[in-house]
Amino acid sequence: MPRTDPRSRRSTLRLVGATAGVALAAGCTEGTGDGEGEPDQNESDETVTDEADEDDPDPPEDDEDEWEDVSTLEFEADTDGWIGIEPEAIEDEENPDIALYEGREYEFRVTNEDGDVHNFALWDGSNPIAASAFLEDEGETETLVADATDEVEQYVCETHPDEMAGAVELREE
């Protein structure tokens, strides 16, 4: 069933990210400690920057390299969400965001893991651009070969668009 929400997933993700950034900045600027730059006794000496580094071990520039040589992406289809298999950047992730380079051809392999009806489709946010055949049997595999165009914003299962969808970041060479 096509989505009728006028906002794309990408727009929604941008809004959520901006909101989180504002909330984080507001929390970091609140006065703490004794006002002399010293933390309270109950506070950790670790700074927010150090914590962020631990949570995000790879800086964004490393992200570029891990997608540069990718031409095949593999997913398992389960009604709860797409599970990334390949490349390593999406391994074991549910509905992972993916990066594609504009103008390149990609192979999307999907395997039906739960026996429900699934397909893999690239969407522009409200309409399909390319889609695989529907998988009806558990263990069935389908491959979609498609070019990454400037229209591609997300990938979805057209029978489960609310549970099985991920954002596509389109990059230039």
Protein backbone atom coordinates (compact mmCIF):
# COMPACT_ATOMS: atom_id res chain seq x y z
CA MET A 1 0.00 0.00 0.00
CA PRO A 2 1.60 3.34 -1.02
CA ARG A 3 2.34 5.92 1.61
CA THR A 4 0.18 9.02 1.50
CA ASP A 5 2.13 11.09 4.02
CA PRO A 6 3.38 14.19 2.16
CA ARG A 7 6.62 14.14 4.16
CA SER A 8 9.33 11.77 3.01
CA ARG A 9 11.18 9.53 5.43
CA ARG A 10 14.31 11.59 4.72
CA SER A 11 12.51 14.82 5.75
CA THR A 12 11.22 13.18 8.90
CA LEU A 13 14.70 11.88 9.78
CA ARG A 14 16.16 15.36 9.26
CA LEU A 15 13.54 16.86 11.59
CA VAL A 16 14.16 14.22 14.26
CA GLY A 17 17.93 14.72 13.97
CA ALA A 18 17.64 18.49 14.24
CA THR A 19 15.37 18.18 17.26
CA ALA A 20 17.77 15.76 18.96
CA GLY A 21 20.68 18.09 18.22
CA VAL A 22 18.90 21.05 19.79
CA ALA A 23 17.97 18.97 22.85
CA LEU A 24 21.55 17.74 23.20
CA ALA A 25 22.95 21.25 22.89
CA ALA A 26 20.48 22.54 25.47
CA GLY A 27 21.47 19.80 27.90
CA CYS A 28 25.17 20.53 27.42
CA THR A 29 24.81 24.24 28.17
CA GLU A 30 22.95 23.92 31.46
CA GLY A 31 24.98 25.01 34.45
CA THR A 32 26.43 22.14 36.48
CA GLY A 33 28.91 21.78 39.24
CA ASP A 34 29.88 24.56 41.57
CA GLY A 35 30.02 27.30 38.95
CA GLU A 36 33.84 27.26 38.99
CA GLY A 37 34.21 24.77 36.14
CA GLU A 38 34.47 21.83 38.55
CA PRO A 39 32.00 18.95 38.29
CA ASP A 40 29.75 18.02 41.21
CA GLN A 41 30.95 15.07 43.25
CA ASN A 42 28.27 12.85 41.72
CA GLU A 43 29.20 13.77 38.15
CA SER A 44 31.67 11.88 36.01
CA ASP A 45 34.91 13.56 34.89
CA GLU A 46 34.20 12.19 31.41
CA THR A 47 33.03 14.83 28.96
CA VAL A 48 30.11 14.54 26.54
CA THR A 49 32.61 14.56 23.66
CA ASP A 50 34.35 11.47 25.04
CA GLU A 51 31.03 9.66 25.40
CA ALA A 52 30.04 10.52 21.82
CA ASP A 53 33.34 9.13 20.55
CA GLU A 54 32.66 5.83 22.31
CA ASP A 55 29.15 5.59 20.84
CA ASP A 56 30.32 6.42 17.31
CA PRO A 57 33.62 4.61 16.76
CA ASP A 58 33.83 5.47 13.05
CA PRO A 59 33.93 9.14 12.10
CA PRO A 60 31.66 10.09 9.15
CA GLU A 61 34.56 10.27 6.69
CA ASP A 62 35.17 6.52 7.19
CA ASP A 63 31.55 5.99 6.16
CA GLU A 64 32.41 7.16 2.64
CA ASP A 65 34.97 4.38 2.18
CA GLU A 66 32.72 1.53 3.30
CA TRP A 67 30.12 2.32 0.61
CA GLU A 68 32.45 3.26 -2.23
CA ASP A 69 33.02 -0.29 -3.56
CA VAL A 70 29.56 -1.69 -2.76
CA SER A 71 27.55 -3.00 -5.72
CA THR A 72 25.48 -5.70 -3.98
CA LEU A 73 23.26 -5.29 -0.94
CA GLU A 74 21.60 -8.26 0.72
CA PHE A 75 18.65 -8.28 3.12
CA GLU A 76 16.48 -10.80 4.92
CA ALA A 77 12.78 -9.98 4.80
CA ASP A 78 10.87 -10.38 8.06
CA THR A 79 7.59 -8.61 8.87
CA ASP A 80 9.32 -6.92 11.81
CA GLY A 81 11.81 -5.26 9.43
CA TRP A 82 14.56 -5.68 6.87
CA ILE A 83 17.67 -7.28 8.38
CA GLY A 84 20.92 -6.24 6.71
CA ILE A 85 23.22 -9.07 5.65
CA GLU A 86 25.70 -7.47 3.24
CA PRO A 87 27.75 -5.25 3.06
CA GLU A 88 29.33 -5.30 6.50
CA ALA A 89 28.10 -1.74 7.15
CA ILE A 90 24.51 -3.03 7.48
CA GLU A 91 25.16 -6.50 8.90
CA ASP A 92 22.56 -7.47 11.55
CA GLU A 93 20.96 -3.98 11.45
CA GLU A 94 17.17 -3.65 11.27
CA ASN A 95 15.98 -1.34 8.47
CA PRO A 96 19.48 0.08 8.04
CA ASP A 97 20.10 3.35 6.23
CA ILE A 98 22.08 2.69 3.05
CA ALA A 99 24.24 4.85 0.78
CA LEU A 100 24.18 4.59 -3.00
CA TYR A 101 26.22 6.44 -5.58
CA GLU A 102 24.13 8.21 -8.20
CA GLY A 103 24.33 6.61 -11.64
CA ARG A 104 25.67 3.26 -10.43
CA GLU A 105 23.89 -0.03 -10.94
CA TYR A 106 23.15 -2.04 -7.78
CA GLU A 107 22.01 -5.57 -7.10
CA PHE A 108 19.58 -5.96 -4.18
CA ARG A 109 19.19 -9.59 -3.01
CA VAL A 110 16.37 -10.41 -0.62
CA THR A 111 15.42 -13.65 1.12
CA ASN A 112 12.02 -14.30 2.64
CA GLU A 113 12.69 -15.32 6.25
CA ASP A 114 9.16 -15.63 7.65
CA GLY A 115 6.97 -16.96 4.82
CA ASP A 116 4.87 -13.79 4.64
CA VAL A 117 4.58 -11.96 1.29
CA HIS A 118 7.43 -9.46 0.71
CA ASN A 119 9.10 -7.52 -2.08
CA PHE A 120 11.93 -5.00 -2.24
CA ALA A 121 11.16 -1.62 -3.80
CA LEU A 122 13.07 1.63 -4.23
CA TRP A 123 10.81 4.65 -3.70
CA ASP A 124 11.05 8.38 -4.25
CA GLY A 125 9.24 8.96 -0.96
CA SER A 126 5.72 8.39 -2.27
CA ASN A 127 5.97 6.28 -5.44
CA PRO A 128 7.88 3.17 -6.50
CA ILE A 129 10.81 3.61 -8.88
CA ALA A 130 11.84 -0.06 -9.17
CA ALA A 131 10.60 -3.20 -7.44
CA SER A 132 11.36 -6.90 -7.22
CA ALA A 133 8.79 -9.65 -7.67
CA PHE A 134 6.88 -10.67 -4.56
CA LEU A 135 8.32 -13.48 -2.44
CA GLU A 136 5.64 -15.75 -1.02
CA ASP A 137 7.54 -18.71 0.42
CA GLU A 138 9.96 -18.92 3.33
CA GLY A 139 13.53 -19.23 2.03
CA GLU A 140 12.62 -17.84 -1.41
CA THR A 141 15.18 -15.38 -2.83
CA GLU A 142 14.75 -12.58 -5.36
CA THR A 143 17.19 -10.13 -6.92
CA LEU A 144 16.43 -6.61 -8.11
CA VAL A 145 18.96 -4.84 -10.31
CA ALA A 146 18.42 -1.08 -10.43
CA ASP A 147 20.26 2.17 -11.07
CA ALA A 148 20.63 4.71 -8.28
CA THR A 149 18.95 7.86 -9.54
CA ASP A 150 18.46 11.22 -7.89
CA GLU A 151 14.83 10.23 -7.19
CA VAL A 152 15.67 7.36 -4.81
CA GLU A 153 14.94 8.28 -1.17
CA GLN A 154 14.04 5.00 0.52
CA TYR A 155 13.55 1.27 0.18
CA VAL A 156 10.42 -0.52 1.36
CA CYS A 157 8.48 -3.75 1.34
CA GLU A 158 5.30 -2.73 -0.41
CA THR A 159 3.17 -5.11 1.68
CA HIS A 160 4.67 -3.85 4.97
CA PRO A 161 5.75 -0.23 4.29
CA ASP A 162 5.42 0.92 7.91
CA GLU A 163 7.52 -1.89 9.41
CA MET A 164 9.95 -2.54 6.56
CA ALA A 165 11.51 0.68 5.29
CA GLY A 166 14.93 2.30 5.30
CA ALA A 167 16.41 5.58 4.15
CA VAL A 168 18.71 5.89 1.14
CA GLU A 169 21.46 8.48 1.10
CA LEU A 170 22.34 9.31 -2.48
CA ARG A 171 25.96 10.26 -3.02
CA GLU A 172 27.82 11.72 -5.98
CA GLU A 173 31.02 10.23 -7.37
